[in-house]
Amino acid sequence: MADNGQMIIELDRKRMVAMAEKDVATLNAVLADDLVYTHSSARLDTKQSLIGAMQSGATVYSSVEPSDVVAQDCGDAVVLTGVARIGVTSGGNAMKFGVRFTDVYARRGGQWQMVVWQSTRLPD
């Protein structure tokens, strides 16, 4: 079986760019319908609520920049761990901060989609 790790790292980077560019078509393709997205603030989002907040302007990502990303290929799932610098305006408050994240992609019907995001804010 081929190692899917590097491909998923690149797919996740594409997802992060799509968030900063508010590219809803890419997000709809990459995010699973049953996504569980846990922000570093402990706020929980679904695919629908995450994209909805971006479309309404309640949450505006200016940048999501990953580093030190490592992939664990588990066959039909790939687990990513790494660090990201995030620039976001949420509820009118502009913030820039770092997070450590765990991100899971699953292969469903031949397509890879993100099913879980969990992040913890790093100290400033």
PDB file of N, CA and C in Angstrom:
ATOM      1  N   MET A   1       0.848  -1.188   0.000  1.00  0.00           N
ATOM      2  CA  MET A   1       0.000   0.000   0.000  1.00  0.00           C
ATOM      3  C   MET A   1       0.886   1.242   0.000  1.00  0.00           C
ATOM      4  N   ALA A   2       0.545   2.181  -0.858  1.00  0.00           N
ATOM      5  CA  ALA A   2       1.312   3.421  -0.950  1.00  0.00           C
ATOM      6  C   ALA A   2       1.081   4.267   0.296  1.00  0.00           C
ATOM      7  N   ASP A   3       2.118   5.001   0.665  1.00  0.00           N
ATOM      8  CA  ASP A   3       2.001   5.904   1.812  1.00  0.00           C
ATOM      9  C   ASP A   3       1.231   7.152   1.373  1.00  0.00           C
ATOM     10  N   ASN A   4       0.109   7.395   2.016  1.00  0.00           N
ATOM     11  CA  ASN A   4      -0.738   8.535   1.676  1.00  0.00           C
ATOM     12  C   ASN A   4      -0.380   9.794   2.451  1.00  0.00           C
ATOM     13  N   GLY A   5       0.562   9.695   3.357  1.00  0.00           N
ATOM     14  CA  GLY A   5       0.870  10.795   4.261  1.00  0.00           C
ATOM     15  C   GLY A   5       1.178  12.107   3.581  1.00  0.00           C
ATOM     16  N   GLN A   6       2.118  12.110   2.631  1.00  0.00           N
ATOM     17  CA  GLN A   6       2.515  13.365   1.995  1.00  0.00           C
ATOM     18  C   GLN A   6       1.355  13.959   1.191  1.00  0.00           C
ATOM     19  N   MET A   7       0.571  13.099   0.543  1.00  0.00           N
ATOM     20  CA  MET A   7      -0.579  13.585  -0.223  1.00  0.00           C
ATOM     21  C   MET A   7      -1.587  14.281   0.703  1.00  0.00           C
ATOM     22  N   ILE A   8      -1.812  13.717   1.901  1.00  0.00           N
ATOM     23  CA  ILE A   8      -2.774  14.310   2.833  1.00  0.00           C
ATOM     24  C   ILE A   8      -2.221  15.595   3.446  1.00  0.00           C
ATOM     25  N   ILE A   9      -0.911  15.650   3.682  1.00  0.00           N
ATOM     26  CA  ILE A   9      -0.306  16.903   4.155  1.00  0.00           C
ATOM     27  C   ILE A   9      -0.581  18.009   3.137  1.00  0.00           C
ATOM     28  N   GLU A  10      -0.424  17.703   1.854  1.00  0.00           N
ATOM     29  CA  GLU A  10      -0.683  18.697   0.808  1.00  0.00           C
ATOM     30  C   GLU A  10      -2.172  19.036   0.707  1.00  0.00           C
ATOM     31  N   LEU A  11      -3.045  18.040   0.857  1.00  0.00           N
ATOM     32  CA  LEU A  11      -4.485  18.292   0.837  1.00  0.00           C
ATOM     33  C   LEU A  11      -4.890  19.193   2.001  1.00  0.00           C
ATOM     34  N   ASP A  12      -4.289  18.958   3.170  1.00  0.00           N
ATOM     35  CA  ASP A  12      -4.609  19.779   4.334  1.00  0.00           C
ATOM     36  C   ASP A  12      -4.102  21.207   4.147  1.00  0.00           C
ATOM     37  N   ARG A  13      -2.951  21.351   3.525  1.00  0.00           N
ATOM     38  CA  ARG A  13      -2.431  22.703   3.228  1.00  0.00           C
ATOM     39  C   ARG A  13      -3.402  23.422   2.280  1.00  0.00           C
ATOM     40  N   LYS A  14      -3.935  22.700   1.307  1.00  0.00           N
ATOM     41  CA  LYS A  14      -4.927  23.261   0.372  1.00  0.00           C
ATOM     42  C   LYS A  14      -6.182  23.689   1.144  1.00  0.00           C
ATOM     43  N   ARG A  15      -6.591  22.884   2.126  1.00  0.00           N
ATOM     44  CA  ARG A  15      -7.755  23.216   2.953  1.00  0.00           C
ATOM     45  C   ARG A  15      -7.499  24.485   3.763  1.00  0.00           C
ATOM     46  N   MET A  16      -6.305  24.619   4.307  1.00  0.00           N
ATOM     47  CA  MET A  16      -5.973  25.813   5.090  1.00  0.00           C
ATOM     48  C   MET A  16      -5.972  27.062   4.219  1.00  0.00           C
ATOM     49  N   VAL A  17      -5.443  26.964   3.009  1.00  0.00           N
ATOM     50  CA  VAL A  17      -5.474  28.092   2.066  1.00  0.00           C
ATOM     51  C   VAL A  17      -6.926  28.427   1.725  1.00  0.00           C
ATOM     52  N   ALA A  18      -7.747  27.395   1.508  1.00  0.00           N
ATOM     53  CA  ALA A  18      -9.165  27.612   1.184  1.00  0.00           C
ATOM     54  C   ALA A  18      -9.876  28.346   2.314  1.00  0.00           C
ATOM     55  N   MET A  19      -9.511  28.060   3.564  1.00  0.00           N
ATOM     56  CA  MET A  19     -10.123  28.764   4.690  1.00  0.00           C
ATOM     57  C   MET A  19      -9.754  30.245   4.649  1.00  0.00           C
ATOM     58  N   ALA A  20      -8.485  30.552   4.381  1.00  0.00           N
ATOM     59  CA  ALA A  20      -8.034  31.945   4.339  1.00  0.00           C
ATOM     60  C   ALA A  20      -8.610  32.684   3.131  1.00  0.00           C
ATOM     61  N   GLU A  21      -8.890  31.952   2.059  1.00  0.00           N
ATOM     62  CA  GLU A  21      -9.423  32.578   0.843  1.00  0.00           C
ATOM     63  C   GLU A  21     -10.947  32.469   0.751  1.00  0.00           C
ATOM     64  N   LYS A  22     -11.566  31.890   1.774  1.00  0.00           N
ATOM     65  CA  LYS A  22     -13.019  31.689   1.802  1.00  0.00           C
ATOM     66  C   LYS A  22     -13.494  30.954   0.540  1.00  0.00           C
ATOM     67  N   ASP A  23     -12.744  29.909   0.182  1.00  0.00           N
ATOM     68  CA  ASP A  23     -13.026  29.086  -0.996  1.00  0.00           C
ATOM     69  C   ASP A  23     -13.995  27.972  -0.574  1.00  0.00           C
ATOM     70  N   VAL A  24     -15.278  28.280  -0.608  1.00  0.00           N
ATOM     71  CA  VAL A  24     -16.317  27.376  -0.105  1.00  0.00           C
ATOM     72  C   VAL A  24     -16.396  26.098  -0.931  1.00  0.00           C
ATOM     73  N   ALA A  25     -16.163  26.169  -2.234  1.00  0.00           N
ATOM     74  CA  ALA A  25     -16.224  24.975  -3.076  1.00  0.00           C
ATOM     75  C   ALA A  25     -15.173  23.951  -2.644  1.00  0.00           C
ATOM     76  N   THR A  26     -13.953  24.409  -2.401  1.00  0.00           N
ATOM     77  CA  THR A  26     -12.893  23.504  -1.937  1.00  0.00           C
ATOM     78  C   THR A  26     -13.229  22.963  -0.561  1.00  0.00           C
ATOM     79  N   LEU A  27     -13.704  23.818   0.335  1.00  0.00           N
ATOM     80  CA  LEU A  27     -14.054  23.361   1.685  1.00  0.00           C
ATOM     81  C   LEU A  27     -15.176  22.322   1.640  1.00  0.00           C
ATOM     82  N   ASN A  28     -16.174  22.528   0.801  1.00  0.00           N
ATOM     83  CA  ASN A  28     -17.263  21.556   0.688  1.00  0.00           C
ATOM     84  C   ASN A  28     -16.756  20.200   0.209  1.00  0.00           C
ATOM     85  N   ALA A  29     -15.743  20.197  -0.648  1.00  0.00           N
ATOM     86  CA  ALA A  29     -15.187  18.947  -1.155  1.00  0.00           C
ATOM     87  C   ALA A  29     -14.287  18.255  -0.125  1.00  0.00           C
ATOM     88  N   VAL A  30     -13.509  19.042   0.611  1.00  0.00           N
ATOM     89  CA  VAL A  30     -12.489  18.480   1.505  1.00  0.00           C
ATOM     90  C   VAL A  30     -13.039  18.142   2.892  1.00  0.00           C
ATOM     91  N   LEU A  31     -14.029  18.869   3.367  1.00  0.00           N
ATOM     92  CA  LEU A  31     -14.571  18.627   4.705  1.00  0.00           C
ATOM     93  C   LEU A  31     -15.687  17.601   4.640  1.00  0.00           C
ATOM     94  N   ALA A  32     -15.635  16.610   5.527  1.00  0.00           N
ATOM     95  CA  ALA A  32     -16.667  15.578   5.594  1.00  0.00           C
ATOM     96  C   ALA A  32     -17.957  16.163   6.158  1.00  0.00           C
ATOM     97  N   ASP A  33     -19.090  15.633   5.696  1.00  0.00           N
ATOM     98  CA  ASP A  33     -20.385  16.107   6.186  1.00  0.00           C
ATOM     99  C   ASP A  33     -20.529  15.925   7.691  1.00  0.00           C
ATOM    100  N   ASP A  34     -19.849  14.902   8.256  1.00  0.00           N
ATOM    101  CA  ASP A  34     -19.935  14.628   9.699  1.00  0.00           C
ATOM    102  C   ASP A  34     -18.707  15.156  10.455  1.00  0.00           C
ATOM    103  N   LEU A  35     -18.071  16.191   9.908  1.00  0.00           N
ATOM    104  CA  LEU A  35     -16.893  16.802  10.524  1.00  0.00           C
ATOM    105  C   LEU A  35     -17.151  17.203  11.974  1.00  0.00           C
ATOM    106  N   VAL A  36     -16.166  16.959  12.827  1.00  0.00           N
ATOM    107  CA  VAL A  36     -16.143  17.465  14.200  1.00  0.00           C
ATOM    108  C   VAL A  36     -14.913  18.372  14.285  1.00  0.00           C
ATOM    109  N   TYR A  37     -15.152  19.690  14.394  1.00  0.00           N
ATOM    110  CA  TYR A  37     -14.090  20.693  14.366  1.00  0.00           C
ATOM    111  C   TYR A  37     -14.048  21.378  15.720  1.00  0.00           C
ATOM    112  N   THR A  38     -13.017  21.078  16.506  1.00  0.00           N
ATOM    113  CA  THR A  38     -12.867  21.659  17.832  1.00  0.00           C
ATOM    114  C   THR A  38     -11.785  22.739  17.784  1.00  0.00           C
ATOM    115  N   HIS A  39     -12.198  23.974  17.990  1.00  0.00           N
ATOM    116  CA  HIS A  39     -11.284  25.109  17.963  1.00  0.00           C
ATOM    117  C   HIS A  39     -10.423  25.129  19.229  1.00  0.00           C
ATOM    118  N   SER A  40      -9.354  25.910  19.196  1.00  0.00           N
ATOM    119  CA  SER A  40      -8.472  26.038  20.359  1.00  0.00           C
ATOM    120  C   SER A  40      -9.176  26.700  21.532  1.00  0.00           C
ATOM    121  N   SER A  41     -10.295  27.361  21.280  1.00  0.00           N
ATOM    122  CA  SER A  41     -11.097  27.984  22.343  1.00  0.00           C
ATOM    123  C   SER A  41     -12.093  26.992  22.947  1.00  0.00           C
ATOM    124  N   ALA A  42     -12.108  25.774  22.426  1.00  0.00           N
ATOM    125  CA  ALA A  42     -13.031  24.697  22.815  1.00  0.00           C
ATOM    126  C   ALA A  42     -14.393  24.828  22.142  1.00  0.00           C
ATOM    127  N   ARG A  43     -14.569  25.843  21.297  1.00  0.00           N
ATOM    128  CA  ARG A  43     -15.820  25.943  20.527  1.00  0.00           C
ATOM    129  C   ARG A  43     -15.875  24.789  19.530  1.00  0.00           C
ATOM    130  N   LEU A  44     -17.044  24.246  19.356  1.00  0.00           N
ATOM    131  CA  LEU A  44     -17.239  23.102  18.482  1.00  0.00           C
ATOM    132  C   LEU A  44     -18.015  23.527  17.248  1.00  0.00           C
ATOM    133  N   ASP A  45     -17.571  23.075  16.076  1.00  0.00           N
ATOM    134  CA  ASP A  45     -18.271  23.360  14.826  1.00  0.00           C
ATOM    135  C   ASP A  45     -18.503  22.079  14.048  1.00  0.00           C
ATOM    136  N   THR A  46     -19.548  22.105  13.236  1.00  0.00           N
ATOM    137  CA  THR A  46     -19.790  21.085  12.226  1.00  0.00           C
ATOM    138  C   THR A  46     -19.310  21.672  10.901  1.00  0.00           C
ATOM    139  N   LYS A  47     -19.345  20.886   9.849  1.00  0.00           N
ATOM    140  CA  LYS A  47     -19.015  21.414   8.527  1.00  0.00           C
ATOM    141  C   LYS A  47     -19.910  22.602   8.208  1.00  0.00           C
ATOM    142  N   GLN A  48     -21.201  22.432   8.440  1.00  0.00           N
ATOM    143  CA  GLN A  48     -22.168  23.464   8.100  1.00  0.00           C
ATOM    144  C   GLN A  48     -21.957  24.735   8.914  1.00  0.00           C
ATOM    145  N   SER A  49     -21.727  24.604  10.224  1.00  0.00           N
ATOM    146  CA  SER A  49     -21.561  25.800  11.057  1.00  0.00           C
ATOM    147  C   SER A  49     -20.220  26.488  10.797  1.00  0.00           C
ATOM    148  N   LEU A  50     -19.178  25.712  10.491  1.00  0.00           N
ATOM    149  CA  LEU A  50     -17.869  26.293  10.191  1.00  0.00           C
ATOM    150  C   LEU A  50     -17.933  27.115   8.906  1.00  0.00           C
ATOM    151  N   ILE A  51     -18.450  26.514   7.848  1.00  0.00           N
ATOM    152  CA  ILE A  51     -18.558  27.231   6.575  1.00  0.00           C
ATOM    153  C   ILE A  51     -19.554  28.383   6.694  1.00  0.00           C
ATOM    154  N   GLY A  52     -20.651  28.175   7.405  1.00  0.00           N
ATOM    155  CA  GLY A  52     -21.647  29.226   7.593  1.00  0.00           C
ATOM    156  C   GLY A  52     -21.081  30.448   8.287  1.00  0.00           C
ATOM    157  N   ALA A  53     -20.254  30.236   9.314  1.00  0.00           N
ATOM    158  CA  ALA A  53     -19.637  31.356  10.040  1.00  0.00           C
ATOM    159  C   ALA A  53     -18.677  32.123   9.133  1.00  0.00           C
ATOM    160  N   MET A  54     -18.004  31.400   8.245  1.00  0.00           N
ATOM    161  CA  MET A  54     -17.093  32.050   7.303  1.00  0.00           C
ATOM    162  C   MET A  54     -17.884  32.851   6.266  1.00  0.00           C
ATOM    163  N   GLN A  55     -18.977  32.275   5.772  1.00  0.00           N
ATOM    164  CA  GLN A  55     -19.789  32.959   4.764  1.00  0.00           C
ATOM    165  C   GLN A  55     -20.472  34.208   5.326  1.00  0.00           C
ATOM    166  N   SER A  56     -20.891  34.147   6.579  1.00  0.00           N
ATOM    167  CA  SER A  56     -21.584  35.283   7.189  1.00  0.00           C
ATOM    168  C   SER A  56     -20.630  36.390   7.626  1.00  0.00           C
ATOM    169  N   GLY A  57     -19.338  36.060   7.723  1.00  0.00           N
ATOM    170  CA  GLY A  57     -18.359  37.035   8.191  1.00  0.00           C
ATOM    171  C   GLY A  57     -18.158  37.007   9.696  1.00  0.00           C
ATOM    172  N   ALA A  58     -18.875  36.110  10.400  1.00  0.00           N
ATOM    173  CA  ALA A  58     -18.695  35.997  11.855  1.00  0.00           C
ATOM    174  C   ALA A  58     -17.288  35.515  12.184  1.00  0.00           C
ATOM    175  N   THR A  59     -16.722  34.676  11.308  1.00  0.00           N
ATOM    176  CA  THR A  59     -15.352  34.193  11.455  1.00  0.00           C
ATOM    177  C   THR A  59     -14.636  34.432  10.131  1.00  0.00           C
ATOM    178  N   VAL A  60     -13.548  35.204  10.171  1.00  0.00           N
ATOM    179  CA  VAL A  60     -12.791  35.501   8.966  1.00  0.00           C
ATOM    180  C   VAL A  60     -11.335  35.104   9.198  1.00  0.00           C
ATOM    181  N   TYR A  61     -10.894  34.075   8.479  1.00  0.00           N
ATOM    182  CA  TYR A  61      -9.500  33.640   8.564  1.00  0.00           C
ATOM    183  C   TYR A  61      -8.674  34.461   7.580  1.00  0.00           C
ATOM    184  N   SER A  62      -7.620  35.122   8.059  1.00  0.00           N
ATOM    185  CA  SER A  62      -6.723  35.854   7.172  1.00  0.00           C
ATOM    186  C   SER A  62      -5.527  34.993   6.786  1.00  0.00           C
ATOM    187  N   SER A  63      -5.184  34.033   7.646  1.00  0.00           N
ATOM    188  CA  SER A  63      -4.078  33.129   7.336  1.00  0.00           C
ATOM    189  C   SER A  63      -4.157  31.890   8.223  1.00  0.00           C
ATOM    190  N   VAL A  64      -3.752  30.772   7.641  1.00  0.00           N
ATOM    191  CA  VAL A  64      -3.572  29.519   8.382  1.00  0.00           C
ATOM    192  C   VAL A  64      -2.311  28.896   7.799  1.00  0.00           C
ATOM    193  N   GLU A  65      -1.225  28.926   8.571  1.00  0.00           N
ATOM    194  CA  GLU A  65       0.084  28.515   8.058  1.00  0.00           C
ATOM    195  C   GLU A  65       0.636  27.357   8.884  1.00  0.00           C
ATOM    196  N   PRO A  66       0.655  26.148   8.300  1.00  0.00           N
ATOM    197  CA  PRO A  66       1.131  24.971   9.027  1.00  0.00           C
ATOM    198  C   PRO A  66       2.655  24.856   9.038  1.00  0.00           C
ATOM    199  N   SER A  67       3.162  24.145  10.047  1.00  0.00           N
ATOM    200  CA  SER A  67       4.587  23.799  10.100  1.00  0.00           C
ATOM    201  C   SER A  67       4.741  22.517  10.915  1.00  0.00           C
ATOM    202  N   ASP A  68       5.877  21.873  10.752  1.00  0.00           N
ATOM    203  CA  ASP A  68       6.206  20.660  11.518  1.00  0.00           C
ATOM    204  C   ASP A  68       5.110  19.600  11.428  1.00  0.00           C
ATOM    205  N   VAL A  69       4.492  19.458  10.256  1.00  0.00           N
ATOM    206  CA  VAL A  69       3.397  18.508  10.101  1.00  0.00           C
ATOM    207  C   VAL A  69       3.952  17.113   9.847  1.00  0.00           C
ATOM    208  N   VAL A  70       3.432  16.153  10.602  1.00  0.00           N
ATOM    209  CA  VAL A  70       3.820  14.748  10.480  1.00  0.00           C
ATOM    210  C   VAL A  70       2.554  13.940  10.224  1.00  0.00           C
ATOM    211  N   ALA A  71       2.662  12.967   9.314  1.00  0.00           N
ATOM    212  CA  ALA A  71       1.517  12.135   8.972  1.00  0.00           C
ATOM    213  C   ALA A  71       1.724  10.698   9.447  1.00  0.00           C
ATOM    214  N   GLN A  72       0.653  10.103   9.940  1.00  0.00           N
ATOM    215  CA  GLN A  72       0.615   8.678  10.273  1.00  0.00           C
ATOM    216  C   GLN A  72      -0.420   8.044   9.348  1.00  0.00           C
ATOM    217  N   ASP A  73       0.045   7.186   8.432  1.00  0.00           N
ATOM    218  CA  ASP A  73      -0.850   6.532   7.483  1.00  0.00           C
ATOM    219  C   ASP A  73      -1.405   5.266   8.132  1.00  0.00           C
ATOM    220  N   CYS A  74      -2.717   5.247   8.334  1.00  0.00           N
ATOM    221  CA  CYS A  74      -3.386   4.111   8.975  1.00  0.00           C
ATOM    222  C   CYS A  74      -4.262   3.356   7.970  1.00  0.00           C
ATOM    223  N   GLY A  75      -3.937   3.453   6.699  1.00  0.00           N
ATOM    224  CA  GLY A  75      -4.718   2.770   5.684  1.00  0.00           C
ATOM    225  C   GLY A  75      -5.799   3.666   5.121  1.00  0.00           C
ATOM    226  N   ASP A  76      -7.034   3.517   5.598  1.00  0.00           N
ATOM    227  CA  ASP A  76      -8.138   4.354   5.138  1.00  0.00           C
ATOM    228  C   ASP A  76      -8.303   5.607   5.983  1.00  0.00           C
ATOM    229  N   ALA A  77      -7.327   5.879   6.827  1.00  0.00           N
ATOM    230  CA  ALA A  77      -7.294   7.113   7.613  1.00  0.00           C
ATOM    231  C   ALA A  77      -5.843   7.580   7.704  1.00  0.00           C
ATOM    232  N   VAL A  78      -5.674   8.885   7.727  1.00  0.00           N
ATOM    233  CA  VAL A  78      -4.359   9.483   7.943  1.00  0.00           C
ATOM    234  C   VAL A  78      -4.516  10.511   9.048  1.00  0.00           C
ATOM    235  N   VAL A  79      -3.645  10.403  10.061  1.00  0.00           N
ATOM    236  CA  VAL A  79      -3.646  11.333  11.185  1.00  0.00           C
ATOM    237  C   VAL A  79      -2.488  12.304  10.989  1.00  0.00           C
ATOM    238  N   LEU A  80      -2.803  13.593  11.025  1.00  0.00           N
ATOM    239  CA  LEU A  80      -1.778  14.627  10.939  1.00  0.00           C
ATOM    240  C   LEU A  80      -1.613  15.284  12.304  1.00  0.00           C
ATOM    241  N   THR A  81      -0.383  15.572  12.656  1.00  0.00           N
ATOM    242  CA  THR A  81      -0.105  16.383  13.840  1.00  0.00           C
ATOM    243  C   THR A  81       0.869  17.467  13.406  1.00  0.00           C
ATOM    244  N   GLY A  82       0.743  18.623  14.018  1.00  0.00           N
ATOM    245  CA  GLY A  82       1.632  19.714  13.655  1.00  0.00           C
ATOM    246  C   GLY A  82       1.306  20.981  14.404  1.00  0.00           C
ATOM    247  N   VAL A  83       1.856  22.059  13.892  1.00  0.00           N
ATOM    248  CA  VAL A  83       1.686  23.388  14.461  1.00  0.00           C
ATOM    249  C   VAL A  83       1.136  24.277  13.352  1.00  0.00           C
ATOM    250  N   ALA A  84       0.304  25.246  13.707  1.00  0.00           N
ATOM    251  CA  ALA A  84      -0.175  26.220  12.728  1.00  0.00           C
ATOM    252  C   ALA A  84      -0.235  27.591  13.368  1.00  0.00           C
ATOM    253  N   ARG A  85       0.092  28.597  12.563  1.00  0.00           N
ATOM    254  CA  ARG A  85      -0.107  29.996  12.955  1.00  0.00           C
ATOM    255  C   ARG A  85      -1.400  30.428  12.297  1.00  0.00           C
ATOM    256  N   ILE A  86      -2.304  30.962  13.089  1.00  0.00           N
ATOM    257  CA  ILE A  86      -3.625  31.325  12.600  1.00  0.00           C
ATOM    258  C   ILE A  86      -3.865  32.815  12.799  1.00  0.00           C
ATOM    259  N   GLY A  87      -4.334  33.443  11.741  1.00  0.00           N
ATOM    260  CA  GLY A  87      -4.811  34.819  11.809  1.00  0.00           C
ATOM    261  C   GLY A  87      -6.307  34.777  11.573  1.00  0.00           C
ATOM    262  N   VAL A  88      -7.092  35.254  12.526  1.00  0.00           N
ATOM    263  CA  VAL A  88      -8.545  35.145  12.423  1.00  0.00           C
ATOM    264  C   VAL A  88      -9.211  36.328  13.124  1.00  0.00           C
ATOM    265  N   THR A  89     -10.348  36.721  12.589  1.00  0.00           N
ATOM    266  CA  THR A  89     -11.206  37.684  13.264  1.00  0.00           C
ATOM    267  C   THR A  89     -12.488  36.951  13.597  1.00  0.00           C
ATOM    268  N   SER A  90     -12.781  36.875  14.874  1.00  0.00           N
ATOM    269  CA  SER A  90     -13.968  36.155  15.339  1.00  0.00           C
ATOM    270  C   SER A  90     -14.739  37.062  16.290  1.00  0.00           C
ATOM    271  N   GLY A  91     -16.005  37.262  16.001  1.00  0.00           N
ATOM    272  CA  GLY A  91     -16.815  38.143  16.833  1.00  0.00           C
ATOM    273  C   GLY A  91     -16.275  39.560  16.885  1.00  0.00           C
ATOM    274  N   GLY A  92     -15.617  39.987  15.806  1.00  0.00           N
ATOM    275  CA  GLY A  92     -15.064  41.337  15.751  1.00  0.00           C
ATOM    276  C   GLY A  92     -13.679  41.481  16.359  1.00  0.00           C
ATOM    277  N   ASN A  93     -13.137  40.416  16.953  1.00  0.00           N
ATOM    278  CA  ASN A  93     -11.818  40.467  17.581  1.00  0.00           C
ATOM    279  C   ASN A  93     -10.766  39.854  16.663  1.00  0.00           C
ATOM    280  N   ALA A  94      -9.789  40.661  16.227  1.00  0.00           N
ATOM    281  CA  ALA A  94      -8.693  40.169  15.393  1.00  0.00           C
ATOM    282  C   ALA A  94      -7.631  39.533  16.284  1.00  0.00           C
ATOM    283  N   MET A  95      -7.211  38.321  15.909  1.00  0.00           N
ATOM    284  CA  MET A  95      -6.229  37.579  16.709  1.00  0.00           C
ATOM    285  C   MET A  95      -5.221  36.896  15.798  1.00  0.00           C
ATOM    286  N   LYS A  96      -4.011  36.736  16.298  1.00  0.00           N
ATOM    287  CA  LYS A  96      -2.988  35.903  15.660  1.00  0.00           C
ATOM    288  C   LYS A  96      -2.381  35.071  16.775  1.00  0.00           C
ATOM    289  N   PHE A  97      -2.337  33.762  16.542  1.00  0.00           N
ATOM    290  CA  PHE A  97      -1.814  32.873  17.574  1.00  0.00           C
ATOM    291  C   PHE A  97      -1.390  31.559  16.951  1.00  0.00           C
ATOM    292  N   GLY A  98      -0.667  30.781  17.735  1.00  0.00           N
ATOM    293  CA  GLY A  98      -0.234  29.464  17.293  1.00  0.00           C
ATOM    294  C   GLY A  98      -1.041  28.378  17.975  1.00  0.00           C
ATOM    295  N   VAL A  99      -1.193  27.257  17.272  1.00  0.00           N
ATOM    296  CA  VAL A  99      -1.865  26.092  17.835  1.00  0.00           C
ATOM    297  C   VAL A  99      -1.053  24.842  17.519  1.00  0.00           C
ATOM    298  N   ARG A 100      -1.215  23.845  18.363  1.00  0.00           N
ATOM    299  CA  ARG A 100      -0.769  22.498  18.049  1.00  0.00           C
ATOM    300  C   ARG A 100      -2.041  21.750  17.686  1.00  0.00           C
ATOM    301  N   PHE A 101      -2.011  20.985  16.589  1.00  0.00           N
ATOM    302  CA  PHE A 101      -3.238  20.352  16.132  1.00  0.00           C
ATOM    303  C   PHE A 101      -3.088  18.871  15.839  1.00  0.00           C
ATOM    304  N   THR A 102      -4.203  18.201  15.906  1.00  0.00           N
ATOM    305  CA  THR A 102      -4.371  16.834  15.418  1.00  0.00           C
ATOM    306  C   THR A 102      -5.537  16.893  14.445  1.00  0.00           C
ATOM    307  N   ASP A 103      -5.334  16.290  13.307  1.00  0.00           N
ATOM    308  CA  ASP A 103      -6.256  16.399  12.180  1.00  0.00           C
ATOM    309  C   ASP A 103      -6.389  15.004  11.580  1.00  0.00           C
ATOM    310  N   VAL A 104      -7.585  14.548  11.303  1.00  0.00           N
ATOM    311  CA  VAL A 104      -7.782  13.201  10.767  1.00  0.00           C
ATOM    312  C   VAL A 104      -8.523  13.273   9.437  1.00  0.00           C
ATOM    313  N   TYR A 105      -7.974  12.609   8.439  1.00  0.00           N
ATOM    314  CA  TYR A 105      -8.609  12.447   7.135  1.00  0.00           C
ATOM    315  C   TYR A 105      -8.983  10.985   6.956  1.00  0.00           C
ATOM    316  N   ALA A 106     -10.144  10.739   6.369  1.00  0.00           N
ATOM    317  CA  ALA A 106     -10.601   9.380   6.093  1.00  0.00           C
ATOM    318  C   ALA A 106     -10.879   9.242   4.598  1.00  0.00           C
ATOM    319  N   ARG A 107     -10.575   8.046   4.070  1.00  0.00           N
ATOM    320  CA  ARG A 107     -10.883   7.760   2.668  1.00  0.00           C
ATOM    321  C   ARG A 107     -12.260   7.123   2.626  1.00  0.00           C
ATOM    322  N   ARG A 108     -13.170   7.785   1.928  1.00  0.00           N
ATOM    323  CA  ARG A 108     -14.545   7.310   1.815  1.00  0.00           C
ATOM    324  C   ARG A 108     -14.934   7.320   0.348  1.00  0.00           C
ATOM    325  N   GLY A 109     -15.265   6.153  -0.177  1.00  0.00           N
ATOM    326  CA  GLY A 109     -15.647   6.078  -1.584  1.00  0.00           C
ATOM    327  C   GLY A 109     -14.559   6.588  -2.506  1.00  0.00           C
ATOM    328  N   GLY A 110     -13.309   6.359  -2.140  1.00  0.00           N
ATOM    329  CA  GLY A 110     -12.181   6.782  -2.964  1.00  0.00           C
ATOM    330  C   GLY A 110     -11.780   8.237  -2.798  1.00  0.00           C
ATOM    331  N   GLN A 111     -12.500   8.992  -1.974  1.00  0.00           N
ATOM    332  CA  GLN A 111     -12.192  10.407  -1.762  1.00  0.00           C
ATOM    333  C   GLN A 111     -11.731  10.625  -0.329  1.00  0.00           C
ATOM    334  N   TRP A 112     -10.689  11.436  -0.165  1.00  0.00           N
ATOM    335  CA  TRP A 112     -10.185  11.782   1.160  1.00  0.00           C
ATOM    336  C   TRP A 112     -10.889  13.025   1.664  1.00  0.00           C
ATOM    337  N   GLN A 113     -11.366  12.974   2.915  1.00  0.00           N
ATOM    338  CA  GLN A 113     -12.002  14.130   3.535  1.00  0.00           C
ATOM    339  C   GLN A 113     -11.563  14.249   4.985  1.00  0.00           C
ATOM    340  N   MET A 114     -11.512  15.501   5.464  1.00  0.00           N
ATOM    341  CA  MET A 114     -11.176  15.754   6.859  1.00  0.00           C
ATOM    342  C   MET A 114     -12.394  15.455   7.718  1.00  0.00           C
ATOM    343  N   VAL A 115     -12.206  14.604   8.734  1.00  0.00           N
ATOM    344  CA  VAL A 115     -13.316  14.228   9.614  1.00  0.00           C
ATOM    345  C   VAL A 115     -13.172  14.807  11.018  1.00  0.00           C
ATOM    346  N   VAL A 116     -11.945  15.142  11.425  1.00  0.00           N
ATOM    347  CA  VAL A 116     -11.719  15.666  12.785  1.00  0.00           C
ATOM    348  C   VAL A 116     -10.604  16.703  12.758  1.00  0.00           C
ATOM    349  N   TRP A 117     -10.821  17.786  13.489  1.00  0.00           N
ATOM    350  CA  TRP A 117      -9.776  18.788  13.789  1.00  0.00           C
ATOM    351  C   TRP A 117      -9.863  19.074  15.276  1.00  0.00           C
ATOM    352  N   GLN A 118      -8.726  19.048  15.937  1.00  0.00           N
ATOM    353  CA  GLN A 118      -8.637  19.375  17.366  1.00  0.00           C
ATOM    354  C   GLN A 118      -7.382  20.205  17.537  1.00  0.00           C
ATOM    355  N   SER A 119      -7.505  21.388  18.133  1.00  0.00           N
ATOM    356  CA  SER A 119      -6.318  22.221  18.315  1.00  0.00           C
ATOM    357  C   SER A 119      -6.236  22.754  19.745  1.00  0.00           C
ATOM    358  N   THR A 120      -5.008  22.977  20.153  1.00  0.00           N
ATOM    359  CA  THR A 120      -4.720  23.539  21.468  1.00  0.00           C
ATOM    360  C   THR A 120      -3.851  24.763  21.249  1.00  0.00           C
ATOM    361  N   ARG A 121      -4.268  25.880  21.845  1.00  0.00           N
ATOM    362  CA  ARG A 121      -3.526  27.126  21.670  1.00  0.00           C
ATOM    363  C   ARG A 121      -2.170  27.040  22.355  1.00  0.00           C
ATOM    364  N   LEU A 122      -1.158  27.537  21.660  1.00  0.00           N
ATOM    365  CA  LEU A 122       0.189  27.582  22.222  1.00  0.00           C
ATOM    366  C   LEU A 122       0.372  28.863  23.032  1.00  0.00           C
ATOM    367  N   PRO A 123       1.217  28.822  24.059  1.00  0.00           N
ATOM    368  CA  PRO A 123       1.469  30.051  24.820  1.00  0.00           C
ATOM    369  C   PRO A 123       2.069  31.126  23.913  1.00  0.00           C
ATOM    370  N   ASP A 124       1.724  32.373  24.186  1.00  0.00           N
ATOM    371  CA  ASP A 124       2.243  33.487  23.356  1.00  0.00           C
ATOM    372  C   ASP A 124       3.714  33.698  23.596  1.00  0.00           C
TER     373      ASP A 124
END
